[in-house]
Amino acid sequence: MRQRFRVLRLSCCPANSVAAHSCQIVFLFTREAASRRVRGPEHQTPTVLMTVLVLRKLLVASHPDQGLSSATFVPAMIRRPPTIVCYICGREYGTKSIAIHEPQCLKKWHNENNLLPKELRRPEPKKPEVRTISAKGFYDLEALNEAAWTRAQSLLVPCHICGRTFLPDRLIVHQRSCKPKVAK
């Protein structure tokens, strides 16, 4: 893969360029020696100098049906893995790890809720019921995540001084430093 990437990358470079074999970077012939000096002793392995013309011939020989038009490297779109929002803490987790996270998060929520003063304790959060199933038989992750995020936001408690919302355990810390705004 690395070798193929280098060949594809070189196929669109000028004819007087060369690849430094040790570090996979394209240089002009006049700059390769300077690269070896700057990049240090680990990059001073002997290199085989192949011109772009030779590399192009190799590329065409290895893929005769495609030619050089498709030889330029086009990076693929990087797609994020699907995630699900936890209805308790509001963080994103992978589809496999959410089942591990939720019971632990609920247990942590109970422990923290029991440590709060009685006036700040909240009822246990309920998992949102979203039964939206797409045509292919999969859950609609966007609808599920939206419902979970809304549920997590509803667990936040507003400060009675400034109105900002916090998790109940963080509200106590905030209230120590929150002062009413003085009119000017």
N, C-alpha and C. Protein backbone atom coordinates (compact mmCIF):
# COMPACT_ATOMS: atom_id res chain seq x y z
N MET A 1 0.83 -1.20 0.00
CA MET A 1 0.00 0.00 0.00
C MET A 1 0.87 1.25 0.00
N ARG A 2 1.88 1.29 0.87
CA ARG A 2 2.75 2.45 0.95
C ARG A 2 3.49 2.65 -0.37
N GLN A 3 3.98 1.56 -0.95
CA GLN A 3 4.69 1.64 -2.22
C GLN A 3 3.75 2.14 -3.32
N ARG A 4 2.52 1.63 -3.34
CA ARG A 4 1.55 2.04 -4.36
C ARG A 4 1.23 3.52 -4.19
N PHE A 5 1.09 3.98 -2.95
CA PHE A 5 0.80 5.39 -2.72
C PHE A 5 1.94 6.26 -3.24
N ARG A 6 3.18 5.83 -3.00
CA ARG A 6 4.32 6.60 -3.46
C ARG A 6 4.35 6.67 -4.98
N VAL A 7 4.08 5.56 -5.63
CA VAL A 7 4.07 5.54 -7.09
C VAL A 7 2.95 6.43 -7.61
N LEU A 8 1.79 6.35 -7.03
CA LEU A 8 0.68 7.18 -7.47
C LEU A 8 0.99 8.65 -7.24
N ARG A 9 1.62 8.95 -6.13
CA ARG A 9 1.95 10.33 -5.82
C ARG A 9 2.98 10.87 -6.80
N LEU A 10 3.95 10.04 -7.17
CA LEU A 10 4.99 10.48 -8.08
C LEU A 10 4.50 10.63 -9.50
N SER A 11 3.42 9.97 -9.86
CA SER A 11 2.98 10.01 -11.25
C SER A 11 2.51 11.39 -11.67
N CYS A 12 2.21 12.25 -10.73
CA CYS A 12 1.75 13.58 -11.10
C CYS A 12 2.82 14.63 -10.84
N CYS A 13 4.06 14.22 -10.48
CA CYS A 13 5.15 15.15 -10.20
C CYS A 13 5.94 15.44 -11.47
N PRO A 14 6.74 16.49 -11.45
CA PRO A 14 7.54 16.80 -12.63
C PRO A 14 8.56 15.72 -12.93
N ALA A 15 9.04 15.69 -14.17
CA ALA A 15 9.94 14.62 -14.61
C ALA A 15 11.30 14.69 -13.94
N ASN A 16 11.70 15.83 -13.40
CA ASN A 16 13.01 15.92 -12.77
C ASN A 16 12.93 15.75 -11.25
N SER A 17 11.91 15.05 -10.75
CA SER A 17 11.79 14.82 -9.31
C SER A 17 12.15 13.39 -8.99
N VAL A 18 12.41 13.13 -7.72
CA VAL A 18 12.81 11.81 -7.27
C VAL A 18 12.26 11.60 -5.87
N ALA A 19 12.06 10.35 -5.48
CA ALA A 19 11.57 10.06 -4.13
C ALA A 19 12.73 9.66 -3.26
N ALA A 20 12.83 10.27 -2.09
CA ALA A 20 13.83 9.82 -1.12
C ALA A 20 13.32 8.49 -0.60
N HIS A 21 14.05 7.42 -0.83
CA HIS A 21 13.59 6.06 -0.53
C HIS A 21 13.27 5.88 0.94
N SER A 22 14.04 6.51 1.82
CA SER A 22 13.88 6.27 3.25
C SER A 22 12.69 7.00 3.85
N CYS A 23 12.32 8.17 3.32
CA CYS A 23 11.26 8.93 3.97
C CYS A 23 10.03 9.15 3.10
N GLN A 24 10.00 8.60 1.90
CA GLN A 24 8.82 8.61 1.04
C GLN A 24 8.37 10.01 0.62
N ILE A 25 9.29 10.96 0.53
CA ILE A 25 8.92 12.32 0.15
C ILE A 25 9.49 12.62 -1.22
N VAL A 26 8.75 13.37 -2.03
CA VAL A 26 9.17 13.69 -3.39
C VAL A 26 10.04 14.94 -3.36
N PHE A 27 11.21 14.87 -4.02
CA PHE A 27 12.13 16.00 -4.09
C PHE A 27 12.57 16.20 -5.52
N LEU A 28 13.02 17.39 -5.83
CA LEU A 28 13.72 17.61 -7.08
C LEU A 28 15.10 16.98 -6.94
N PHE A 29 15.73 16.61 -8.06
CA PHE A 29 17.04 15.96 -8.01
C PHE A 29 18.03 16.80 -7.19
N THR A 30 17.99 18.10 -7.34
CA THR A 30 18.97 18.96 -6.68
C THR A 30 18.73 19.05 -5.18
N ARG A 31 17.55 18.73 -4.70
CA ARG A 31 17.23 18.88 -3.29
C ARG A 31 17.33 17.59 -2.50
N GLU A 32 17.51 16.43 -3.15
CA GLU A 32 17.52 15.18 -2.42
C GLU A 32 18.71 15.08 -1.48
N ALA A 33 19.88 15.54 -1.90
CA ALA A 33 21.07 15.50 -1.04
C ALA A 33 20.88 16.40 0.17
N ALA A 34 20.28 17.55 -0.02
CA ALA A 34 20.01 18.45 1.10
C ALA A 34 19.02 17.80 2.06
N SER A 35 18.07 17.06 1.54
CA SER A 35 17.12 16.38 2.40
C SER A 35 17.81 15.37 3.29
N ARG A 36 18.77 14.64 2.75
CA ARG A 36 19.49 13.65 3.55
C ARG A 36 20.27 14.33 4.66
N ARG A 37 20.86 15.49 4.39
CA ARG A 37 21.61 16.20 5.43
C ARG A 37 20.68 16.67 6.53
N VAL A 38 19.54 17.24 6.17
CA VAL A 38 18.63 17.83 7.14
C VAL A 38 17.89 16.78 7.94
N ARG A 39 17.45 15.70 7.32
CA ARG A 39 16.61 14.72 7.99
C ARG A 39 17.38 13.79 8.90
N GLY A 40 18.70 13.83 8.93
CA GLY A 40 19.47 13.10 9.92
C GLY A 40 19.95 11.74 9.46
N PRO A 41 20.73 11.06 10.34
CA PRO A 41 21.39 9.81 9.96
C PRO A 41 20.43 8.66 9.69
N GLU A 42 19.24 8.65 10.29
CA GLU A 42 18.33 7.53 10.06
C GLU A 42 17.77 7.54 8.65
N HIS A 43 17.88 8.66 7.95
CA HIS A 43 17.38 8.77 6.58
C HIS A 43 18.50 8.68 5.55
N GLN A 44 19.70 8.29 5.94
CA GLN A 44 20.82 8.26 5.01
C GLN A 44 21.07 6.88 4.44
N THR A 45 20.03 6.05 4.37
CA THR A 45 20.19 4.75 3.73
C THR A 45 20.34 4.96 2.24
N PRO A 46 21.03 4.06 1.53
CA PRO A 46 21.20 4.25 0.09
C PRO A 46 19.85 4.22 -0.61
N THR A 47 19.66 5.10 -1.54
CA THR A 47 18.39 5.18 -2.26
C THR A 47 18.59 4.81 -3.71
N VAL A 48 17.59 4.21 -4.27
CA VAL A 48 17.59 3.90 -5.70
C VAL A 48 16.85 5.03 -6.38
N LEU A 49 17.55 5.74 -7.24
CA LEU A 49 16.95 6.90 -7.90
C LEU A 49 16.22 6.44 -9.15
N MET A 50 14.91 6.60 -9.12
CA MET A 50 14.09 6.24 -10.28
C MET A 50 13.41 7.51 -10.76
N THR A 51 13.52 7.78 -11.99
CA THR A 51 12.84 8.96 -12.51
C THR A 51 11.35 8.70 -12.60
N VAL A 52 10.63 9.76 -12.71
CA VAL A 52 9.19 9.64 -12.80
C VAL A 52 8.78 8.89 -14.06
N LEU A 53 9.55 9.04 -15.11
CA LEU A 53 9.22 8.33 -16.35
C LEU A 53 9.25 6.83 -16.14
N VAL A 54 10.25 6.33 -15.40
CA VAL A 54 10.34 4.90 -15.12
C VAL A 54 9.16 4.48 -14.24
N LEU A 55 8.84 5.30 -13.25
CA LEU A 55 7.72 4.98 -12.37
C LEU A 55 6.40 4.97 -13.14
N ARG A 56 6.25 5.90 -14.05
CA ARG A 56 5.03 5.91 -14.86
C ARG A 56 4.91 4.66 -15.72
N LYS A 57 6.04 4.22 -16.28
CA LYS A 57 6.02 2.99 -17.07
C LYS A 57 5.63 1.80 -16.20
N LEU A 58 6.16 1.75 -14.98
CA LEU A 58 5.80 0.67 -14.07
C LEU A 58 4.32 0.71 -13.73
N LEU A 59 3.80 1.91 -13.51
CA LEU A 59 2.40 2.07 -13.16
C LEU A 59 1.50 1.62 -14.31
N VAL A 60 1.84 2.03 -15.52
CA VAL A 60 1.04 1.63 -16.68
C VAL A 60 1.15 0.13 -16.90
N ALA A 61 2.33 -0.44 -16.68
CA ALA A 61 2.50 -1.88 -16.86
C ALA A 61 1.70 -2.66 -15.82
N SER A 62 1.60 -2.14 -14.61
CA SER A 62 0.86 -2.86 -13.57
C SER A 62 -0.65 -2.68 -13.69
N HIS A 63 -1.09 -1.59 -14.31
CA HIS A 63 -2.51 -1.32 -14.51
C HIS A 63 -2.75 -0.86 -15.94
N PRO A 64 -2.62 -1.75 -16.93
CA PRO A 64 -2.74 -1.32 -18.33
C PRO A 64 -4.15 -0.87 -18.69
N ASP A 65 -5.16 -1.39 -18.03
CA ASP A 65 -6.53 -1.03 -18.38
C ASP A 65 -6.91 0.37 -17.88
N GLN A 66 -6.21 0.87 -16.86
CA GLN A 66 -6.58 2.16 -16.28
C GLN A 66 -5.82 3.32 -16.89
N GLY A 67 -4.58 3.11 -17.29
CA GLY A 67 -3.78 4.20 -17.86
C GLY A 67 -3.37 5.19 -16.79
N LEU A 68 -2.88 6.33 -17.21
CA LEU A 68 -2.40 7.33 -16.27
C LEU A 68 -3.48 8.28 -15.80
N SER A 69 -4.62 8.30 -16.45
CA SER A 69 -5.65 9.25 -16.05
C SER A 69 -6.15 8.96 -14.64
N SER A 70 -6.21 7.69 -14.26
CA SER A 70 -6.68 7.35 -12.92
C SER A 70 -5.53 7.16 -11.95
N ALA A 71 -4.31 7.50 -12.38
CA ALA A 71 -3.14 7.26 -11.54
C ALA A 71 -2.95 8.31 -10.47
N THR A 72 -3.61 9.44 -10.59
CA THR A 72 -3.44 10.45 -9.56
C THR A 72 -4.17 10.01 -8.31
N PHE A 73 -3.57 10.30 -7.18
CA PHE A 73 -4.11 9.85 -5.90
C PHE A 73 -5.20 10.80 -5.44
N VAL A 74 -6.38 10.26 -5.18
CA VAL A 74 -7.48 11.03 -4.65
C VAL A 74 -7.82 10.45 -3.29
N PRO A 75 -7.65 11.21 -2.21
CA PRO A 75 -7.92 10.66 -0.90
C PRO A 75 -9.40 10.35 -0.73
N ALA A 76 -9.70 9.24 -0.10
CA ALA A 76 -11.08 8.84 0.13
C ALA A 76 -11.67 9.68 1.25
N MET A 77 -12.98 9.86 1.21
CA MET A 77 -13.65 10.57 2.29
C MET A 77 -13.56 9.73 3.55
N ILE A 78 -13.16 10.35 4.63
CA ILE A 78 -13.07 9.64 5.90
C ILE A 78 -14.43 9.73 6.57
N ARG A 79 -15.02 8.58 6.80
CA ARG A 79 -16.35 8.54 7.40
C ARG A 79 -16.21 8.17 8.86
N ARG A 80 -16.83 8.94 9.72
CA ARG A 80 -16.81 8.63 11.14
C ARG A 80 -17.66 7.40 11.39
N PRO A 81 -17.25 6.58 12.36
CA PRO A 81 -18.09 5.44 12.70
C PRO A 81 -19.38 5.93 13.34
N PRO A 82 -20.47 5.17 13.19
CA PRO A 82 -21.73 5.60 13.79
C PRO A 82 -21.64 5.62 15.31
N THR A 83 -22.18 6.67 15.91
CA THR A 83 -22.15 6.80 17.36
C THR A 83 -23.56 7.02 17.88
N ILE A 84 -23.74 6.70 19.15
CA ILE A 84 -25.02 6.88 19.83
C ILE A 84 -24.77 7.74 21.05
N VAL A 85 -25.66 8.70 21.30
CA VAL A 85 -25.53 9.60 22.44
C VAL A 85 -26.12 8.93 23.67
N CYS A 86 -25.37 8.98 24.77
CA CYS A 86 -25.86 8.43 26.04
C CYS A 86 -26.95 9.36 26.58
N TYR A 87 -28.09 8.81 26.97
CA TYR A 87 -29.19 9.62 27.46
C TYR A 87 -28.94 10.15 28.87
N ILE A 88 -27.91 9.66 29.55
CA ILE A 88 -27.62 10.09 30.92
C ILE A 88 -26.59 11.23 30.92
N CYS A 89 -25.45 11.00 30.27
CA CYS A 89 -24.37 11.99 30.32
C CYS A 89 -24.27 12.85 29.07
N GLY A 90 -24.89 12.43 27.95
CA GLY A 90 -24.88 13.22 26.74
C GLY A 90 -23.65 13.04 25.87
N ARG A 91 -22.76 12.11 26.21
CA ARG A 91 -21.56 11.87 25.41
C ARG A 91 -21.85 10.85 24.33
N GLU A 92 -21.00 10.86 23.28
CA GLU A 92 -21.16 9.92 22.17
C GLU A 92 -20.33 8.67 22.40
N TYR A 93 -20.93 7.52 22.09
CA TYR A 93 -20.24 6.23 22.20
C TYR A 93 -20.54 5.42 20.96
N GLY A 94 -19.65 4.49 20.66
CA GLY A 94 -19.84 3.61 19.52
C GLY A 94 -21.05 2.71 19.71
N THR A 95 -21.55 2.15 18.63
CA THR A 95 -22.76 1.34 18.70
C THR A 95 -22.56 0.08 19.53
N LYS A 96 -21.35 -0.43 19.60
CA LYS A 96 -21.09 -1.63 20.41
C LYS A 96 -20.82 -1.27 21.87
N SER A 97 -20.17 -0.14 22.12
CA SER A 97 -19.78 0.19 23.49
C SER A 97 -20.87 0.91 24.28
N ILE A 98 -21.93 1.38 23.63
CA ILE A 98 -23.00 2.05 24.38
C ILE A 98 -23.69 1.09 25.33
N ALA A 99 -23.80 -0.17 24.96
CA ALA A 99 -24.44 -1.17 25.84
C ALA A 99 -23.59 -1.41 27.08
N ILE A 100 -22.29 -1.26 26.98
CA ILE A 100 -21.41 -1.40 28.15
C ILE A 100 -21.45 -0.12 28.98
N HIS A 101 -21.51 1.02 28.31
CA HIS A 101 -21.44 2.31 29.00
C HIS A 101 -22.70 2.62 29.82
N GLU A 102 -23.88 2.40 29.26
CA GLU A 102 -25.11 2.84 29.91
C GLU A 102 -25.30 2.31 31.33
N PRO A 103 -25.13 1.00 31.60
CA PRO A 103 -25.30 0.55 32.99
C PRO A 103 -24.28 1.19 33.94
N GLN A 104 -23.05 1.36 33.48
CA GLN A 104 -22.02 1.98 34.32
C GLN A 104 -22.35 3.45 34.57
N CYS A 105 -22.84 4.12 33.55
CA CYS A 105 -23.18 5.53 33.67
C CYS A 105 -24.37 5.71 34.62
N LEU A 106 -25.34 4.81 34.53
CA LEU A 106 -26.51 4.89 35.41
C LEU A 106 -26.10 4.63 36.86
N LYS A 107 -25.20 3.67 37.07
CA LYS A 107 -24.71 3.39 38.41
C LYS A 107 -23.97 4.61 38.98
N LYS A 108 -23.15 5.24 38.15
CA LYS A 108 -22.43 6.44 38.57
C LYS A 108 -23.41 7.56 38.87
N TRP A 109 -24.46 7.69 38.04
CA TRP A 109 -25.46 8.73 38.25
C TRP A 109 -26.15 8.53 39.60
N HIS A 110 -26.50 7.28 39.93
CA HIS A 110 -27.14 7.00 41.23
C HIS A 110 -26.22 7.36 42.38
N ASN A 111 -24.94 6.99 42.29
CA ASN A 111 -23.99 7.31 43.36
C ASN A 111 -23.87 8.82 43.56
N GLU A 112 -23.76 9.56 42.47
CA GLU A 112 -23.62 11.01 42.57
C GLU A 112 -24.92 11.66 43.03
N ASN A 113 -26.06 11.14 42.61
CA ASN A 113 -27.34 11.70 43.00
C ASN A 113 -27.59 11.50 44.50
N ASN A 114 -27.14 10.36 45.03
CA ASN A 114 -27.33 10.10 46.46
C ASN A 114 -26.45 10.99 47.33
N LEU A 115 -25.36 11.51 46.79
CA LEU A 115 -24.49 12.40 47.55
C LEU A 115 -25.00 13.84 47.58
N LEU A 116 -25.94 14.18 46.72
CA LEU A 116 -26.46 15.54 46.65
C LEU A 116 -27.41 15.83 47.80
N PRO A 117 -27.57 17.11 48.17
CA PRO A 117 -28.60 17.46 49.16
C PRO A 117 -29.98 17.11 48.61
N LYS A 118 -30.92 16.89 49.51
CA LYS A 118 -32.26 16.42 49.11
C LYS A 118 -32.94 17.36 48.11
N GLU A 119 -32.73 18.66 48.24
CA GLU A 119 -33.41 19.60 47.34
C GLU A 119 -32.86 19.57 45.91
N LEU A 120 -31.63 19.03 45.73
CA LEU A 120 -31.04 18.96 44.39
C LEU A 120 -31.15 17.59 43.75
N ARG A 121 -31.66 16.60 44.48
CA ARG A 121 -31.77 15.26 43.90
C ARG A 121 -32.81 15.24 42.80
N ARG A 122 -32.53 14.45 41.78
CA ARG A 122 -33.39 14.37 40.60
C ARG A 122 -33.94 12.96 40.46
N PRO A 123 -35.08 12.81 39.77
CA PRO A 123 -35.58 11.46 39.50
C PRO A 123 -34.66 10.75 38.51
N GLU A 124 -34.69 9.43 38.55
CA GLU A 124 -33.83 8.64 37.66
C GLU A 124 -34.18 8.92 36.20
N PRO A 125 -33.17 9.14 35.36
CA PRO A 125 -33.45 9.41 33.95
C PRO A 125 -33.97 8.15 33.26
N LYS A 126 -34.97 8.34 32.44
CA LYS A 126 -35.55 7.23 31.69
C LYS A 126 -35.01 7.23 30.27
N LYS A 127 -34.78 6.03 29.76
CA LYS A 127 -34.27 5.90 28.40
C LYS A 127 -35.36 6.33 27.42
N PRO A 128 -35.03 7.19 26.46
CA PRO A 128 -36.06 7.63 25.51
C PRO A 128 -36.51 6.49 24.61
N GLU A 129 -37.79 6.43 24.36
CA GLU A 129 -38.36 5.38 23.52
C GLU A 129 -38.50 5.92 22.10
N VAL A 130 -37.56 5.57 21.25
CA VAL A 130 -37.62 5.97 19.85
C VAL A 130 -37.70 4.69 19.04
N ARG A 131 -38.80 4.49 18.37
CA ARG A 131 -39.01 3.27 17.59
C ARG A 131 -38.98 3.55 16.09
N THR A 132 -38.27 4.58 15.70
CA THR A 132 -38.21 4.92 14.29
C THR A 132 -37.28 3.94 13.59
N ILE A 133 -37.84 3.10 12.73
CA ILE A 133 -37.05 2.12 12.00
C ILE A 133 -37.11 2.49 10.52
N SER A 134 -35.94 2.51 9.89
CA SER A 134 -35.88 2.90 8.48
C SER A 134 -36.41 1.78 7.59
N ALA A 135 -36.42 2.03 6.30
CA ALA A 135 -36.94 1.05 5.34
C ALA A 135 -36.10 -0.21 5.31
N LYS A 136 -34.82 -0.09 5.64
CA LYS A 136 -33.94 -1.26 5.62
C LYS A 136 -34.00 -2.05 6.92
N GLY A 137 -34.76 -1.59 7.88
CA GLY A 137 -34.90 -2.32 9.13
C GLY A 137 -33.94 -1.88 10.22
N PHE A 138 -33.23 -0.76 10.03
CA PHE A 138 -32.30 -0.25 11.03
C PHE A 138 -32.95 0.88 11.80
N TYR A 139 -32.46 1.11 13.02
CA TYR A 139 -32.93 2.26 13.79
C TYR A 139 -32.42 3.54 13.15
N ASP A 140 -33.21 4.58 13.23
CA ASP A 140 -32.79 5.88 12.73
C ASP A 140 -31.90 6.50 13.80
N LEU A 141 -30.58 6.46 13.57
CA LEU A 141 -29.63 6.93 14.57
C LEU A 141 -29.78 8.41 14.86
N GLU A 142 -30.13 9.20 13.85
CA GLU A 142 -30.29 10.64 14.07
C GLU A 142 -31.44 10.92 15.03
N ALA A 143 -32.56 10.24 14.85
CA ALA A 143 -33.71 10.44 15.74
C ALA A 143 -33.39 9.93 17.14
N LEU A 144 -32.71 8.80 17.23
CA LEU A 144 -32.32 8.24 18.52
C LEU A 144 -31.36 9.18 19.25
N ASN A 145 -30.37 9.70 18.53
CA ASN A 145 -29.40 10.61 19.14
C ASN A 145 -30.04 11.92 19.55
N GLU A 146 -30.96 12.42 18.75
CA GLU A 146 -31.65 13.67 19.10
C GLU A 146 -32.47 13.49 20.38
N ALA A 147 -33.18 12.37 20.50
CA ALA A 147 -33.97 12.11 21.70
C ALA A 147 -33.08 11.93 22.92
N ALA A 148 -31.96 11.23 22.77
CA ALA A 148 -31.04 11.03 23.89
C ALA A 148 -30.40 12.34 24.32
N TRP A 149 -30.02 13.19 23.35
CA TRP A 149 -29.41 14.46 23.68
C TRP A 149 -30.40 15.37 24.41
N THR A 150 -31.66 15.38 23.94
CA THR A 150 -32.70 16.17 24.60
C THR A 150 -32.92 15.68 26.02
N ARG A 151 -32.91 14.36 26.21
CA ARG A 151 -33.07 13.78 27.54
C ARG A 151 -31.91 14.18 28.45
N ALA A 152 -30.69 14.13 27.93
CA ALA A 152 -29.51 14.50 28.73
C ALA A 152 -29.55 15.99 29.09
N GLN A 153 -30.04 16.84 28.17
CA GLN A 153 -30.13 18.27 28.47
C GLN A 153 -31.20 18.56 29.51
N SER A 154 -32.24 17.73 29.56
CA SER A 154 -33.30 17.95 30.55
C SER A 154 -32.84 17.63 31.96
N LEU A 155 -31.73 16.91 32.09
CA LEU A 155 -31.20 16.59 33.42
C LEU A 155 -30.42 17.75 34.03
N LEU A 156 -30.12 18.77 33.23
CA LEU A 156 -29.36 19.90 33.74
C LEU A 156 -30.23 20.77 34.63
N VAL A 157 -29.62 21.32 35.69
CA VAL A 157 -30.34 22.13 36.67
C VAL A 157 -29.90 23.58 36.50
N PRO A 158 -30.84 24.54 36.42
CA PRO A 158 -30.44 25.94 36.27
C PRO A 158 -29.98 26.55 37.59
N CYS A 159 -29.01 27.44 37.49
CA CYS A 159 -28.54 28.19 38.65
C CYS A 159 -29.60 29.25 38.96
N HIS A 160 -29.96 29.43 40.25
CA HIS A 160 -31.00 30.40 40.60
C HIS A 160 -30.49 31.84 40.55
N ILE A 161 -29.17 32.02 40.41
CA ILE A 161 -28.60 33.37 40.34
C ILE A 161 -28.43 33.82 38.89
N CYS A 162 -27.72 33.03 38.09
CA CYS A 162 -27.40 33.46 36.72
C CYS A 162 -28.23 32.76 35.65
N GLY A 163 -28.87 31.65 35.97
CA GLY A 163 -29.72 30.95 35.01
C GLY A 163 -29.02 29.92 34.15
N ARG A 164 -27.68 29.83 34.24
CA ARG A 164 -26.96 28.81 33.46
C ARG A 164 -27.32 27.43 33.98
N THR A 165 -27.25 26.43 33.11
CA THR A 165 -27.61 25.07 33.52
C THR A 165 -26.37 24.23 33.73
N PHE A 166 -26.43 23.35 34.73
CA PHE A 166 -25.32 22.49 35.10
C PHE A 166 -25.85 21.13 35.51
N LEU A 167 -24.95 20.15 35.50
CA LEU A 167 -25.28 18.89 36.15
C LEU A 167 -25.39 19.17 37.64
N PRO A 168 -26.26 18.44 38.37
CA PRO A 168 -26.49 18.78 39.77
C PRO A 168 -25.22 18.82 40.63
N ASP A 169 -24.30 17.90 40.42
CA ASP A 169 -23.09 17.92 41.25
C ASP A 169 -22.20 19.11 40.91
N ARG A 170 -22.22 19.60 39.68
CA ARG A 170 -21.41 20.75 39.29
C ARG A 170 -22.08 22.07 39.67
N LEU A 171 -23.39 22.04 39.88
CA LEU A 171 -24.10 23.25 40.29
C LEU A 171 -23.62 23.73 41.64
N ILE A 172 -23.36 22.81 42.55
CA ILE A 172 -22.87 23.17 43.89
C ILE A 172 -21.54 23.91 43.78
N VAL A 173 -20.65 23.41 42.95
CA VAL A 173 -19.34 24.04 42.76
C VAL A 173 -19.53 25.42 42.13
N HIS A 174 -20.43 25.53 41.15
CA HIS A 174 -20.67 26.80 40.48
C HIS A 174 -21.24 27.83 41.45
N GLN A 175 -22.16 27.41 42.32
CA GLN A 175 -22.82 28.36 43.20
C GLN A 175 -21.87 28.98 44.22
N ARG A 176 -20.74 28.32 44.49
CA ARG A 176 -19.75 28.90 45.41
C ARG A 176 -19.16 30.19 44.85
N SER A 177 -19.04 30.25 43.53
CA SER A 177 -18.40 31.42 42.92
C SER A 177 -19.37 32.32 42.16
N CYS A 178 -20.62 31.94 42.03
CA CYS A 178 -21.59 32.73 41.27
C CYS A 178 -22.09 33.88 42.12
N LYS A 179 -21.95 35.08 41.60
CA LYS A 179 -22.40 36.28 42.30
C LYS A 179 -23.46 36.97 41.46
N PRO A 180 -24.45 37.58 42.09
CA PRO A 180 -25.45 38.31 41.29
C PRO A 180 -24.79 39.51 40.61
N LYS A 181 -25.25 39.82 39.42
CA LYS A 181 -24.69 40.94 38.67
C LYS A 181 -25.12 42.25 39.34
N VAL A 182 -24.14 43.12 39.51
CA VAL A 182 -24.41 44.43 40.11
C VAL A 182 -24.78 45.40 39.00
N ALA A 183 -25.89 46.14 39.20
CA ALA A 183 -26.32 47.11 38.20
C ALA A 183 -25.36 48.28 38.19
N LYS A 184 -25.02 48.76 36.99
CA LYS A 184 -24.06 49.88 36.87
C LYS A 184 -24.76 51.20 36.86
